[in-house]
């Protein structure tokens, strides 16, 4: 899935945007709509499936969180849905404290979850979404169904209960507009449904049954999946078992399942005679350099932030791809990668939040 469409490879930048509307989706989630001024319209044009990051300071801490854009592309506004995470400082603040008229730092749209969307026109697409994983999937469903009269979309959507289902009205609208081409299948883990296979946790046995009978895996041409790591990996494995070509399975994570926090440019003292790696990097056409002690084993992003606080990042977990850069000299090892495609890695792109230098000198380009 090469990143070739609008915004897929442009570097992320933050702008201050005003909150134009807040809409409660469930007791634990809210849709936030930002007003995009005319002079930033080009920067915030996006395609279905992309994401952005929100940034603010809470209790003196700079916090950034990535969220998928949840509305079909439109000029003048851009919307994300924020679901309250248990213990999540940022998501709790958005749900409880954010008000219309407030301003937040909003990143320009990023991501290549569904690059080359035109390839889906006239095809049968199936989606698997869990909880807030519906946010990119619903925009993709809109695009697929509106792009061609022969397109079909089957959606498997899992939640704890009917009260937890986000975008109920929008999903009902899709069913009303495309009754013969849009099929919606709810799986509720804590609520009884008429079909036993649709009641209970979406585990391997249940998903295997659904892919054999409800949405036969061999029928759709393309699959799009968004949810937690375990569900995404299980879905990919079972689809592969059913003979689905991995090239036709697109996926995005909203969590890796691993705890993490935003990187901090922690003080690192280079002692005389200590072995170091020299990291030279280009950002916005300006070259910078930083020495990183080998013993510190810090990531490229952590090192770069010590000399350039404007180095781009969002999730810092290898998921969003915001910190993507091109290695032009030297080598790195990546701890995790949930954002880059194989062809990008072959061309020398890395996630700097997960990259540790493996050579005496490393040269990277954030502008590539």
Protein backbone atom coordinates (compact mmCIF):
# COMPACT_ATOMS: atom_id res chain seq x y z
CA UNK A 1 0.00 0.00 0.00
CA UNK A 2 2.18 2.83 -1.24
CA UNK A 3 1.61 6.32 0.10
CA UNK A 4 0.88 8.26 -3.06
CA UNK A 5 -2.26 10.30 -2.43
CA UNK A 6 -2.89 13.72 -0.98
CA UNK A 7 -1.09 14.33 2.30
CA UNK A 8 0.37 10.85 2.59
CA UNK A 9 3.99 12.00 2.60
CA UNK A 10 3.87 15.72 3.44
CA UNK A 11 5.52 16.54 6.74
CA UNK A 12 3.28 17.18 9.71
CA UNK A 13 2.97 20.69 11.10
CA UNK A 14 0.79 22.08 13.89
CA UNK A 15 -1.54 25.07 13.64
CA UNK A 16 -3.83 26.62 16.24
CA UNK A 17 -7.46 25.84 15.34
CA UNK A 18 -10.69 26.90 17.05
CA UNK A 19 -13.18 24.32 18.32
CA UNK A 20 -16.33 25.01 16.30
CA UNK A 21 -18.55 22.21 17.63
CA UNK A 22 -18.64 19.47 20.26
CA UNK A 23 -21.08 16.58 19.82
CA UNK A 24 -21.56 13.84 22.38
CA UNK A 25 -21.42 10.43 20.66
CA UNK A 26 -21.68 8.16 23.71
CA UNK A 27 -21.29 8.67 27.43
CA UNK A 28 -17.56 8.16 26.96
CA UNK A 29 -16.84 9.78 23.58
CA UNK A 30 -17.20 13.14 21.88
CA UNK A 31 -16.80 14.41 18.33
CA UNK A 32 -14.64 17.53 18.11
CA UNK A 33 -14.99 19.72 15.02
CA UNK A 34 -12.39 22.38 14.28
CA UNK A 35 -12.80 25.42 12.09
CA UNK A 36 -10.20 25.57 9.31
CA UNK A 37 -9.57 29.15 8.15
CA UNK A 38 -9.31 29.77 4.40
CA UNK A 39 -5.56 30.42 4.47
CA UNK A 40 -5.01 26.90 5.90
CA UNK A 41 -7.51 25.10 3.66
CA UNK A 42 -4.83 23.48 1.51
CA UNK A 43 -2.89 22.28 4.56
CA UNK A 44 -5.93 20.49 5.99
CA UNK A 45 -7.25 18.81 2.85
CA UNK A 46 -7.37 15.07 3.48
CA UNK A 47 -8.67 11.78 2.19
CA UNK A 48 -10.74 9.16 3.99
CA UNK A 49 -8.77 7.14 6.53
CA UNK A 50 -6.19 9.76 7.47
CA UNK A 51 -5.45 10.92 11.00
CA UNK A 52 -4.10 13.95 12.82
CA UNK A 53 -2.70 14.74 16.26
CA UNK A 54 -3.99 17.14 18.88
CA UNK A 55 -1.56 18.93 21.15
CA UNK A 56 -2.07 20.90 24.35
CA UNK A 57 -0.49 21.50 27.74
CA UNK A 58 -2.16 19.93 30.78
CA UNK A 59 -0.73 20.46 34.27
CA UNK A 60 2.45 21.78 32.69
CA UNK A 61 2.99 18.74 30.46
CA UNK A 62 3.07 18.89 26.67
CA UNK A 63 0.65 16.16 25.52
CA UNK A 64 0.01 14.90 21.99
CA UNK A 65 -2.48 12.26 20.91
CA UNK A 66 -3.37 10.94 17.45
CA UNK A 67 -6.98 10.52 16.28
CA UNK A 68 -8.50 9.42 12.99
CA UNK A 69 -10.55 11.95 11.05
CA UNK A 70 -14.17 10.86 11.29
CA UNK A 71 -16.00 12.85 8.60
CA UNK A 72 -15.85 12.66 4.79
CA UNK A 73 -13.55 15.35 3.33
CA UNK A 74 -15.01 18.87 3.42
CA UNK A 75 -13.52 22.34 3.25
CA UNK A 76 -13.62 24.64 6.25
CA UNK A 77 -13.97 21.99 8.97
CA UNK A 78 -12.23 18.88 10.20
CA UNK A 79 -13.49 16.47 12.86
CA UNK A 80 -12.11 13.74 15.11
CA UNK A 81 -13.75 11.54 17.71
CA UNK A 82 -12.12 11.19 21.13
CA UNK A 83 -13.07 8.23 23.31
CA UNK A 84 -12.23 8.42 27.00
CA UNK A 85 -9.45 5.95 27.86
CA UNK A 86 -9.29 4.53 31.36
CA UNK A 87 -6.72 6.68 33.12
CA UNK A 88 -6.14 8.73 29.96
CA UNK A 89 -5.29 12.32 30.90
CA UNK A 90 -5.74 13.77 27.41
CA UNK A 91 -8.93 11.94 26.45
CA UNK A 92 -10.52 12.71 29.82
CA UNK A 93 -9.66 16.38 29.46
CA UNK A 94 -11.20 16.53 25.99
CA UNK A 95 -14.38 14.80 27.13
CA UNK A 96 -14.80 16.82 30.33
CA UNK A 97 -13.07 20.17 29.92
CA UNK A 98 -12.85 21.18 26.27
CA UNK A 99 -15.35 23.84 25.18
CA UNK A 100 -16.55 25.42 21.93
CA UNK A 101 -14.37 28.45 21.23
CA UNK A 102 -11.25 26.92 22.77
CA UNK A 103 -8.18 26.53 20.56
CA UNK A 104 -5.90 23.53 20.24
CA UNK A 105 -2.76 22.80 18.29
CA UNK A 106 -3.94 20.55 15.47
CA UNK A 107 -1.56 18.62 13.22
CA UNK A 108 -2.03 18.59 9.48
CA UNK A 109 -3.56 15.30 8.21
CA UNK A 110 -1.21 12.35 7.86
CA UNK A 111 -1.30 8.65 7.10
CA UNK A 112 -1.57 6.24 4.20
CA UNK A 113 -4.05 3.74 5.66
CA UNK A 114 -6.04 3.99 2.46
CA UNK A 115 -3.73 5.49 -0.13
CA UNK A 116 -4.94 5.07 -3.72
CA UNK A 117 -8.59 5.14 -2.65
CA UNK A 118 -9.68 5.21 -6.28
CA UNK A 119 -8.65 1.56 -6.47
CA UNK A 120 -11.67 0.72 -4.29
CA UNK A 121 -14.24 2.15 -6.69
CA UNK A 122 -16.73 -0.51 -7.79
CA UNK A 123 -15.27 -3.11 -5.43
CA UNK A 124 -16.63 -5.14 -2.54
CA UNK A 125 -14.91 -3.91 0.63
CA UNK A 126 -15.27 -5.39 4.10
CA UNK A 127 -14.33 -3.62 7.31
CA UNK A 128 -13.62 -4.84 10.83
CA UNK A 129 -13.74 -2.16 13.53
CA UNK A 130 -13.58 -2.24 17.32
CA UNK A 131 -14.85 0.66 19.42
CA UNK A 132 -13.26 3.92 18.33
CA UNK A 133 -11.66 2.02 15.45
CA UNK A 134 -14.84 2.93 13.58
CA UNK A 135 -13.57 6.48 13.02
CA UNK A 136 -11.42 5.84 9.92
CA UNK A 137 -13.60 2.95 8.75
CA UNK A 138 -16.80 5.00 8.51
CA UNK A 139 -15.13 7.61 6.30
CA UNK A 140 -13.80 4.85 4.06
CA UNK A 141 -17.28 3.32 3.86
CA UNK A 142 -18.69 6.69 2.76
CA UNK A 143 -16.04 6.98 0.06
CA UNK A 144 -16.47 3.43 -1.25
CA UNK A 145 -20.28 3.60 -1.43
CA UNK A 146 -20.36 7.04 -3.01
CA UNK A 147 -17.60 6.35 -5.54
CA UNK A 148 -19.55 3.85 -7.64
CA UNK A 149 -23.06 2.44 -7.94
CA UNK A 150 -21.58 -1.06 -7.96
CA UNK A 151 -19.51 -0.71 -4.78
CA UNK A 152 -20.42 -2.76 -1.69
CA UNK A 153 -19.34 -2.44 1.92
CA UNK A 154 -19.77 -4.99 4.71
CA UNK A 155 -18.94 -3.78 8.22
CA UNK A 156 -18.28 -5.92 11.28
CA UNK A 157 -18.39 -3.60 14.31
CA UNK A 158 -17.65 -4.86 17.82
CA UNK A 159 -18.47 -3.03 21.07
CA UNK A 160 -19.34 -3.88 24.65
CA UNK A 161 -23.00 -2.80 24.38
CA UNK A 162 -25.36 -0.84 22.14
CA UNK A 163 -24.80 2.22 24.36
CA UNK A 164 -21.09 2.16 23.42
CA UNK A 165 -21.66 2.26 19.66
CA UNK A 166 -20.23 5.45 18.18
CA UNK A 167 -21.78 7.14 15.12
CA UNK A 168 -25.13 5.36 15.42
CA UNK A 169 -26.92 8.01 13.35
CA UNK A 170 -24.30 8.03 10.60
CA UNK A 171 -24.36 4.24 10.31
CA UNK A 172 -28.15 4.26 10.13
CA UNK A 173 -27.96 6.90 7.42
CA UNK A 174 -25.63 4.70 5.37
CA UNK A 175 -28.08 1.80 5.70
CA UNK A 176 -30.95 4.03 4.55
CA UNK A 177 -29.02 5.49 1.61
CA UNK A 178 -27.48 2.22 0.43
CA UNK A 179 -29.82 -0.56 1.63
CA UNK A 180 -28.62 -3.05 -0.99
CA UNK A 181 -24.92 -2.21 -0.82
CA UNK A 182 -24.16 -1.58 2.85
CA UNK A 183 -24.41 -4.38 5.42
CA UNK A 184 -23.79 -3.70 9.11
CA UNK A 185 -23.10 -6.50 11.59
CA UNK A 186 -22.84 -5.63 15.30
CA UNK A 187 -21.01 -7.87 17.76
CA UNK A 188 -21.74 -6.95 21.41
CA UNK A 189 -19.61 -8.53 24.11
CA UNK A 190 -21.86 -7.66 27.07
CA UNK A 191 -25.29 -7.65 25.50
CA UNK A 192 -27.35 -10.53 24.17
CA UNK A 193 -28.22 -10.47 20.47
CA UNK A 194 -30.64 -12.66 18.53
CA UNK A 195 -27.80 -14.43 16.71
CA UNK A 196 -25.51 -16.24 19.20
CA UNK A 197 -22.46 -15.68 17.01
CA UNK A 198 -22.96 -11.91 17.43
CA UNK A 199 -23.06 -12.06 21.24
CA UNK A 200 -19.85 -12.20 23.26
CA UNK A 201 -16.23 -11.22 22.87
CA UNK A 202 -14.89 -11.23 19.33
CA UNK A 203 -12.35 -13.96 19.97
CA UNK A 204 -10.74 -16.38 17.53
CA UNK A 205 -13.60 -18.88 17.55
CA UNK A 206 -16.27 -16.23 16.99
CA UNK A 207 -14.35 -14.37 14.29
CA UNK A 208 -13.53 -17.62 12.52
CA UNK A 209 -17.24 -18.45 12.44
CA UNK A 210 -18.16 -14.98 11.13
CA UNK A 211 -15.56 -15.20 8.35
CA UNK A 212 -17.01 -18.54 7.32
CA UNK A 213 -20.70 -17.62 7.28
CA UNK A 214 -21.67 -13.99 7.93
CA UNK A 215 -18.99 -12.31 5.79
CA UNK A 216 -17.31 -15.15 3.88
CA UNK A 217 -13.66 -14.12 3.71
CA UNK A 218 -13.19 -15.04 0.06
CA UNK A 219 -15.98 -12.78 -1.24
CA UNK A 220 -14.80 -9.17 -0.57
CA UNK A 221 -12.06 -7.78 -2.80
CA UNK A 222 -10.50 -5.64 -0.07
CA UNK A 223 -10.40 -5.59 3.72
CA UNK A 224 -9.87 -2.61 6.04
CA UNK A 225 -9.30 -3.18 9.77
CA UNK A 226 -8.91 -0.79 12.69
CA UNK A 227 -8.74 -1.64 16.37
CA UNK A 228 -6.38 -2.79 19.10
CA UNK A 229 -3.30 -4.79 18.20
CA UNK A 230 -4.65 -8.19 19.26
CA UNK A 231 -7.81 -7.91 17.14
CA UNK A 232 -5.98 -6.54 14.11
CA UNK A 233 -3.40 -9.33 14.23
CA UNK A 234 -6.06 -12.01 14.77
CA UNK A 235 -8.06 -10.68 11.81
CA UNK A 236 -5.01 -10.67 9.55
CA UNK A 237 -4.05 -14.20 10.58
CA UNK A 238 -7.53 -15.62 9.99
CA UNK A 239 -7.93 -13.85 6.67
CA UNK A 240 -4.59 -15.32 5.58
CA UNK A 241 -5.85 -18.77 6.62
CA UNK A 242 -8.84 -18.21 4.32
CA UNK A 243 -6.51 -17.44 1.43
CA UNK A 244 -6.91 -13.66 1.38
CA UNK A 245 -3.86 -11.99 -0.16
CA UNK A 246 -2.21 -9.73 2.50
CA UNK A 247 -1.86 -7.07 -0.21
CA UNK A 248 -5.63 -6.66 -0.05
CA UNK A 249 -5.77 -6.27 3.73
CA UNK A 250 -5.23 -2.72 4.97
CA UNK A 251 -5.03 -2.08 8.69
CA UNK A 252 -4.47 0.62 11.26
CA UNK A 253 -3.93 0.41 15.02
CA UNK A 254 -5.30 2.78 17.61
CA UNK A 255 -3.07 1.20 20.22
CA UNK A 256 -0.16 -1.21 20.21
CA UNK A 257 -1.14 -2.65 23.57
CA UNK A 258 2.14 -1.43 25.02
CA UNK A 259 2.24 1.35 27.63
CA UNK A 260 4.14 4.40 26.52
CA UNK A 261 4.49 8.14 26.90
CA UNK A 262 5.59 11.02 24.76
CA UNK A 263 9.36 11.29 24.40
CA UNK A 264 11.15 13.89 26.42
CA UNK A 265 14.38 15.56 25.39
CA UNK A 266 16.06 14.35 28.56
CA UNK A 267 19.43 15.86 29.44
CA UNK A 268 22.29 13.74 28.16
CA UNK A 269 25.83 14.63 29.07
CA UNK A 270 28.60 13.58 26.70
CA UNK A 271 31.66 12.78 28.78
CA UNK A 272 35.20 13.18 27.52
CA UNK A 273 36.37 10.10 25.68
CA UNK A 274 32.89 8.54 25.63
CA UNK A 275 31.87 6.73 22.47
CA UNK A 276 29.16 8.67 20.64
CA UNK A 277 27.05 8.54 17.51
CA UNK A 278 26.82 11.71 15.47
CA UNK A 279 23.31 12.32 14.17
CA UNK A 280 22.94 14.92 11.42
CA UNK A 281 19.43 15.71 10.28
CA UNK A 282 17.56 18.08 8.00
CA UNK A 283 14.21 19.57 8.98
CA UNK A 284 12.43 22.34 7.10
CA UNK A 285 15.56 22.86 5.02
CA UNK A 286 17.75 23.53 8.06
CA UNK A 287 20.54 21.15 9.09
CA UNK A 288 21.20 20.27 12.73
CA UNK A 289 23.55 17.92 14.52
CA UNK A 290 23.54 16.16 17.87
CA UNK A 291 25.93 13.75 19.59
CA UNK A 292 24.30 10.73 21.23
CA UNK A 293 26.30 8.58 23.70
CA UNK A 294 26.24 4.95 22.62
CA UNK A 295 25.67 3.92 26.24
CA UNK A 296 22.47 6.01 26.41
CA UNK A 297 20.82 3.86 23.72
CA UNK A 298 18.38 6.69 23.00
CA UNK A 299 16.18 6.87 19.96
CA UNK A 300 16.93 9.19 17.07
CA UNK A 301 13.82 11.20 17.98
CA UNK A 302 14.90 11.68 21.61
CA UNK A 303 18.32 12.85 20.50
CA UNK A 304 16.95 15.20 17.84
CA UNK A 305 14.50 16.79 20.29
CA UNK A 306 17.41 17.96 22.44
CA UNK A 307 18.50 20.40 19.74
CA UNK A 308 15.24 20.89 17.77
CA UNK A 309 12.01 20.92 19.86
CA UNK A 310 10.02 21.24 16.61
CA UNK A 311 10.97 17.75 15.37
CA UNK A 312 7.65 16.11 14.42
CA UNK A 313 6.11 13.30 16.46
CA UNK A 314 2.71 12.35 17.83
CA UNK A 315 2.14 8.85 19.26
CA UNK A 316 5.82 7.94 19.87
CA UNK A 317 4.75 4.30 19.71
CA UNK A 318 5.53 3.42 16.10
CA UNK A 319 1.87 3.64 15.07
CA UNK A 320 1.09 7.02 13.50
CA UNK A 321 4.13 7.56 11.26
CA UNK A 322 4.42 11.29 12.07
CA UNK A 323 8.15 11.01 12.89
CA UNK A 324 8.97 9.34 9.56
CA UNK A 325 12.33 10.28 8.05
CA UNK A 326 14.72 9.05 5.37
CA UNK A 327 18.14 7.61 6.22
CA UNK A 328 20.70 8.87 3.72
CA UNK A 329 23.82 7.64 5.51
CA UNK A 330 24.40 5.09 8.25
CA UNK A 331 21.97 2.57 9.70
CA UNK A 332 19.42 2.11 12.48
CA UNK A 333 17.47 -0.67 14.12
CA UNK A 334 13.73 -0.16 14.62
CA UNK A 335 12.13 -1.57 17.77
CA UNK A 336 8.55 -1.45 16.46
CA UNK A 337 6.89 -0.51 13.19
CA UNK A 338 3.14 -0.35 12.66
CA UNK A 339 3.14 2.56 10.20
CA UNK A 340 5.63 1.99 7.38
CA UNK A 341 5.04 -0.29 4.43
CA UNK A 342 7.72 -2.72 3.25
CA UNK A 343 8.50 -0.63 0.16
CA UNK A 344 9.06 2.47 2.33
CA UNK A 345 11.54 0.59 4.51
CA UNK A 346 13.33 -0.69 1.41
CA UNK A 347 13.68 2.92 0.22
CA UNK A 348 15.33 3.86 3.54
CA UNK A 349 12.47 5.38 5.53
CA UNK A 350 12.34 4.82 9.30
CA UNK A 351 10.27 5.81 12.31
CA UNK A 352 12.66 7.93 14.34
CA UNK A 353 10.71 7.33 17.57
CA UNK A 354 11.62 3.64 17.30
CA UNK A 355 15.05 3.92 15.65
CA UNK A 356 18.36 3.39 17.45
CA UNK A 357 21.59 4.30 15.60
CA UNK A 358 23.77 1.37 14.56
CA UNK A 359 26.61 3.31 12.94
CA UNK A 360 29.15 5.92 14.05
CA UNK A 361 27.42 8.56 11.93
CA UNK A 362 23.80 8.80 10.95
CA UNK A 363 22.32 11.24 8.45
CA UNK A 364 18.55 11.54 8.12
CA UNK A 365 16.15 13.82 6.27
CA UNK A 366 12.75 14.68 7.70
CA UNK A 367 11.92 16.64 4.54
CA UNK A 368 12.18 13.64 2.19
